[in-house]
Structure formats: C-alpha cells, structure tokens
C-alpha cells in the first residue's frame, strides 16, 4: 500500500530511487519489517504528511519520524513524555488532569504500582507497548475515558462512584487500586470489552497478592 501510494505521489522520482524490480522487492521487505507494529490508520496519515513535507520519497528513518509526529495531530504526547507524566502522577492518578486520556489508560494498563517503584529499564518497554496499542485505538476513532478528579463528582455515574468507594472501604485496597480493579463496571454489561477488563482485574489481584472476589455488577 505504501509503495503504491509513493509511486503515485512521486512518479518518476520514485522510480529513480530503485534501479530494478529486485531492489524494490528488497526495499519493500525492509520497510515491512520496520513498520510492522504500526496500524493502517497511522500509515495512511504518515503518507499524507510525507506528500506535504517531502519532495522526494522519504527514507525509512524519515518516515518513522513522521509517524511519531502524527500522534501530535490527535493531541497525543510522545511515548517518552507520556511515560514521564504517568510516572510523575502514578501515586495519585485520579487527582491529575491528564494531557490525554491515552496516557492515563496506558498507565493503568501498565500498573501504577510498577510505575511508582520499578526502574525505567524494567517498566518502560511495557508502558511503550501499551501506549502504542492505545494510540492506535485513538487513531481508529475510539473515545477513551478518564475518571474525574476527586472533588468533581460525576452526577451521571454517582451510583458507580459510591459503589467503588464503599468497595474500597470494605476491602484492603487503596482508592487507586479500587478504581483500577473495578474499571470494567463502566463498560456495558455482557460485552466483550467488559469481560476483557474484568479478566485484567483478576490478573492484577494475583499480581498484588490479594484474594478478593470481584463483583459482577454494582446495582
């Protein structure tokens, strides 16, 4: 897809980069290996930006730089900035106004406890993986949610908020742990996404050494 669009955009300039079909096949293979972790939405946006920024077909390095810049169009910070923000506010994530909901979700998926206590070399690769996947969801049009900071009650979901607060008091967990564990209750009952987040919550219970039973609903 990328080479077909480059051929259309750059015409004879594209053909002048390669001497024969064999070179094109080798180049396609190298590009495919370099871009295998990116979604189609990201690649389409990057090609469009290249059309505006480059007179000649970009190199792989230049194209990767464009891909990273593409996140800014959606208000998404770079992975490193997102990681630093998540670590800085990992102790009280619900009290912070996040630069983008994707940063909060990536922090929650990586585990706030890990972000607070583990070395960067241990936790950053996992955060980077989670953040990249979440950014792809944003680029695909998904809307992410972040709990309102404490002191700003969400009247539309008071029942759930009160349930989480009571569950926290009834169990040996912190407010942040309770919000993370019961996040699945915000999703439609019986939906695959709700089942997914509940499974993640059960895995976190094991990681945290907690023997608790998660509720099926809050009503």
Protein backbone atom coordinates (compact mmCIF):
# COMPACT_ATOMS: atom_id res chain seq x y z
CA UNK A 1 0.00 0.00 0.00
CA UNK A 2 2.76 2.47 0.94
CA UNK A 3 4.87 1.90 -2.16
CA UNK A 4 1.82 2.09 -4.43
CA UNK A 5 0.95 5.50 -2.97
CA UNK A 6 4.56 6.69 -3.14
CA UNK A 7 4.69 5.67 -6.80
CA UNK A 8 1.57 7.74 -7.48
CA UNK A 9 2.74 10.72 -5.43
CA UNK A 10 6.37 10.92 -6.60
CA UNK A 11 6.10 9.48 -10.13
CA UNK A 12 9.46 9.29 -11.92
CA UNK A 13 11.24 10.42 -8.73
CA UNK A 14 10.09 7.20 -7.06
CA UNK A 15 11.33 5.07 -9.97
CA UNK A 16 14.71 6.82 -9.95
CA UNK A 17 15.37 5.62 -6.39
CA UNK A 18 15.47 1.97 -7.49
CA UNK A 19 17.43 0.50 -10.38
CA UNK A 20 15.26 -2.58 -10.90
CA UNK A 21 12.38 -4.67 -9.55
CA UNK A 22 14.75 -6.69 -7.38
CA UNK A 23 15.73 -3.58 -5.42
CA UNK A 24 12.07 -2.67 -4.97
CA UNK A 25 11.31 -6.14 -3.54
CA UNK A 26 14.22 -5.86 -1.09
CA UNK A 27 13.14 -2.36 -0.07
CA UNK A 28 9.53 -3.45 0.45
CA UNK A 29 10.69 -6.23 2.75
CA UNK A 30 12.82 -3.85 4.82
CA UNK A 31 10.01 -1.30 5.08
CA UNK A 32 7.56 -4.01 6.10
CA UNK A 33 9.87 -5.15 8.92
CA UNK A 34 10.35 -1.58 10.14
CA UNK A 35 6.64 -0.73 10.12
CA UNK A 36 5.11 -4.00 11.32
CA UNK A 37 3.99 -2.53 14.67
CA UNK A 38 2.04 0.36 13.16
CA UNK A 39 -1.64 0.33 12.27
CA UNK A 40 -3.04 1.06 8.82
CA UNK A 41 -4.54 4.32 10.12
CA UNK A 42 -1.12 5.53 11.27
CA UNK A 43 0.50 4.62 7.96
CA UNK A 44 -2.17 6.38 5.90
CA UNK A 45 -1.77 9.57 7.93
CA UNK A 46 2.02 9.40 7.66
CA UNK A 47 1.94 9.02 3.86
CA UNK A 48 -0.35 12.06 3.62
CA UNK A 49 2.09 14.09 5.72
CA UNK A 50 5.02 12.94 3.55
CA UNK A 51 3.19 14.25 0.48
CA UNK A 52 3.12 17.67 2.14
CA UNK A 53 6.66 17.65 3.57
CA UNK A 54 8.93 15.75 1.15
CA UNK A 55 9.73 16.49 -2.48
CA UNK A 56 11.38 13.07 -2.82
CA UNK A 57 10.32 9.73 -1.35
CA UNK A 58 11.37 9.68 2.34
CA UNK A 59 13.82 7.21 3.81
CA UNK A 60 12.66 4.69 6.42
CA UNK A 61 14.15 6.87 9.15
CA UNK A 62 12.33 9.96 7.88
CA UNK A 63 9.07 8.03 7.59
CA UNK A 64 9.39 6.76 11.17
CA UNK A 65 9.89 10.35 12.34
CA UNK A 66 6.71 11.37 10.52
CA UNK A 67 4.83 8.51 12.19
CA UNK A 68 5.85 9.75 15.62
CA UNK A 69 4.88 13.33 14.78
CA UNK A 70 1.50 12.09 13.58
CA UNK A 71 0.44 11.45 17.16
CA UNK A 72 0.55 15.19 17.81
CA UNK A 73 -2.29 15.72 15.34
CA UNK A 74 -4.52 13.86 17.78
CA UNK A 75 -3.18 15.65 20.85
CA UNK A 76 -1.18 12.58 21.86
CA UNK A 77 2.17 13.25 23.55
CA UNK A 78 5.28 11.31 22.57
CA UNK A 79 5.83 7.98 24.30
CA UNK A 80 8.61 9.38 26.50
CA UNK A 81 6.54 12.40 27.56
CA UNK A 82 3.58 10.12 28.26
CA UNK A 83 5.77 7.80 30.33
CA UNK A 84 7.22 10.65 32.39
CA UNK A 85 3.74 12.05 33.04
CA UNK A 86 2.42 8.63 34.09
CA UNK A 87 5.33 8.05 36.47
CA UNK A 88 5.09 11.52 37.98
CA UNK A 89 1.40 11.07 38.82
CA UNK A 90 1.31 7.32 39.46
CA UNK A 91 0.79 7.84 43.20
CA UNK A 92 -2.49 9.75 42.76
CA UNK A 93 -3.64 9.24 39.15
CA UNK A 94 -7.24 10.27 39.84
CA UNK A 95 -6.14 13.68 41.13
CA UNK A 96 -4.30 14.66 37.93
CA UNK A 97 -5.66 16.34 34.81
CA UNK A 98 -4.08 14.21 32.09
CA UNK A 99 -2.69 15.65 28.86
CA UNK A 100 -4.61 12.91 27.06
CA UNK A 101 -6.79 10.04 28.22
CA UNK A 102 -4.44 7.62 26.43
CA UNK A 103 -1.68 8.41 28.94
CA UNK A 104 -3.94 7.56 31.86
CA UNK A 105 -5.15 4.33 30.25
CA UNK A 106 -1.58 3.28 29.39
CA UNK A 107 -0.54 3.94 32.98
CA UNK A 108 -3.43 1.92 34.33
CA UNK A 109 -2.74 -0.95 31.92
CA UNK A 110 0.96 -0.96 32.84
CA UNK A 111 0.12 -0.79 36.57
CA UNK A 112 0.54 2.32 38.72
CA UNK A 113 2.41 0.31 41.34
CA UNK A 114 5.05 -0.69 38.80
CA UNK A 115 5.37 2.87 37.50
CA UNK A 116 5.95 4.10 41.05
CA UNK A 117 8.51 1.51 42.08
CA UNK A 118 10.27 -0.19 39.18
CA UNK A 119 13.31 1.01 37.26
CA UNK A 120 12.71 2.56 33.84
CA UNK A 121 14.58 -0.30 32.14
CA UNK A 122 12.05 -2.75 33.58
CA UNK A 123 8.75 -0.95 33.12
CA UNK A 124 9.26 1.38 30.15
CA UNK A 125 9.10 -1.36 27.47
CA UNK A 126 5.71 -2.49 28.83
CA UNK A 127 4.43 1.08 29.01
CA UNK A 128 5.63 1.75 25.46
CA UNK A 129 3.82 -1.36 24.19
CA UNK A 130 0.58 -0.44 25.98
CA UNK A 131 0.74 3.20 24.91
CA UNK A 132 1.33 2.32 21.26
CA UNK A 133 -1.67 -0.02 21.21
CA UNK A 134 -3.87 2.57 22.93
CA UNK A 135 -2.76 5.29 20.50
CA UNK A 136 -3.77 3.00 17.63
CA UNK A 137 -7.24 2.74 19.19
CA UNK A 138 -7.44 6.54 19.38
CA UNK A 139 -6.37 6.88 15.75
CA UNK A 140 -9.07 4.38 14.83
CA UNK A 141 -11.65 6.69 16.39
CA UNK A 142 -12.14 5.20 19.87
CA UNK A 143 -13.04 7.59 22.66
CA UNK A 144 -11.27 6.91 25.96
CA UNK A 145 -12.49 7.73 29.45
CA UNK A 146 -10.65 9.12 32.47
CA UNK A 147 -12.21 9.22 35.96
CA UNK A 148 -12.96 12.74 37.09
CA UNK A 149 -10.50 14.18 39.64
CA UNK A 150 -11.62 13.83 43.24
CA UNK A 151 -13.81 16.71 44.31
CA UNK A 152 -15.54 16.89 40.93
CA UNK A 153 -18.42 14.43 41.24
CA UNK A 154 -19.87 12.95 38.09
CA UNK A 155 -23.61 13.08 38.78
CA UNK A 156 -24.34 10.80 35.85
CA UNK A 157 -22.48 7.94 37.50
CA UNK A 158 -22.88 8.65 41.21
CA UNK A 159 -24.12 5.13 41.88
CA UNK A 160 -20.98 3.52 40.46
CA UNK A 161 -18.67 6.04 42.15
CA UNK A 162 -20.32 5.43 45.51
CA UNK A 163 -20.14 1.66 44.98
CA UNK A 164 -16.39 1.84 44.25
CA UNK A 165 -15.81 4.00 47.33
CA UNK A 166 -17.73 1.56 49.53
CA UNK A 167 -15.96 -1.45 47.98
CA UNK A 168 -12.64 0.22 48.73
CA UNK A 169 -13.63 0.67 52.39
CA UNK A 170 -14.78 -2.95 52.66
CA UNK A 171 -11.57 -4.39 51.21
CA UNK A 172 -7.82 -3.97 51.83
CA UNK A 173 -7.16 -1.80 48.76
CA UNK A 174 -6.20 1.80 48.06
CA UNK A 175 -8.56 4.18 46.21
CA UNK A 176 -6.36 3.89 43.10
CA UNK A 177 -6.42 0.08 43.26
CA UNK A 178 -10.20 0.03 43.68
CA UNK A 179 -10.70 2.33 40.68
CA UNK A 180 -8.34 0.23 38.57
CA UNK A 181 -9.83 -3.12 39.57
CA UNK A 182 -13.46 -2.07 39.10
CA UNK A 183 -12.91 -0.14 35.88
CA UNK A 184 -14.72 -2.92 33.96
CA UNK A 185 -18.01 -1.93 35.66
CA UNK A 186 -18.07 1.18 33.46
CA UNK A 187 -18.41 -0.98 30.34
CA UNK A 188 -21.71 -2.40 29.02
CA UNK A 189 -22.79 -5.49 30.94
CA UNK A 190 -22.21 -8.68 28.98
CA UNK A 191 -19.91 -7.00 26.43
CA UNK A 192 -16.53 -8.50 25.37
CA UNK A 193 -14.71 -5.34 26.46
CA UNK A 194 -16.18 -5.64 29.95
CA UNK A 195 -15.08 -9.29 30.15
CA UNK A 196 -11.60 -8.29 28.97
CA UNK A 197 -11.12 -5.63 31.64
CA UNK A 198 -12.52 -7.90 34.35
CA UNK A 199 -10.01 -10.58 33.38
CA UNK A 200 -7.23 -7.98 33.61
CA UNK A 201 -8.52 -7.03 37.08
CA UNK A 202 -8.41 -10.68 38.18
CA UNK A 203 -4.82 -10.92 36.93
CA UNK A 204 -3.92 -7.80 38.90
CA UNK A 205 -5.39 -9.33 42.07
CA UNK A 206 -2.98 -12.22 41.66
CA UNK A 207 -0.04 -9.89 40.96
CA UNK A 208 -0.87 -7.82 44.06
CA UNK A 209 -1.32 -10.92 46.23
CA UNK A 210 -4.94 -10.07 47.00
CA UNK A 211 -7.59 -12.74 47.49
CA UNK A 212 -10.78 -10.83 46.73
CA UNK A 213 -13.95 -11.61 44.81
CA UNK A 214 -14.77 -9.06 42.13
CA UNK A 215 -18.45 -8.05 41.85
CA UNK A 216 -20.42 -8.87 38.71
CA UNK A 217 -22.36 -5.61 38.89
CA UNK A 218 -22.96 -2.63 41.18
CA UNK A 219 -26.75 -2.36 41.07
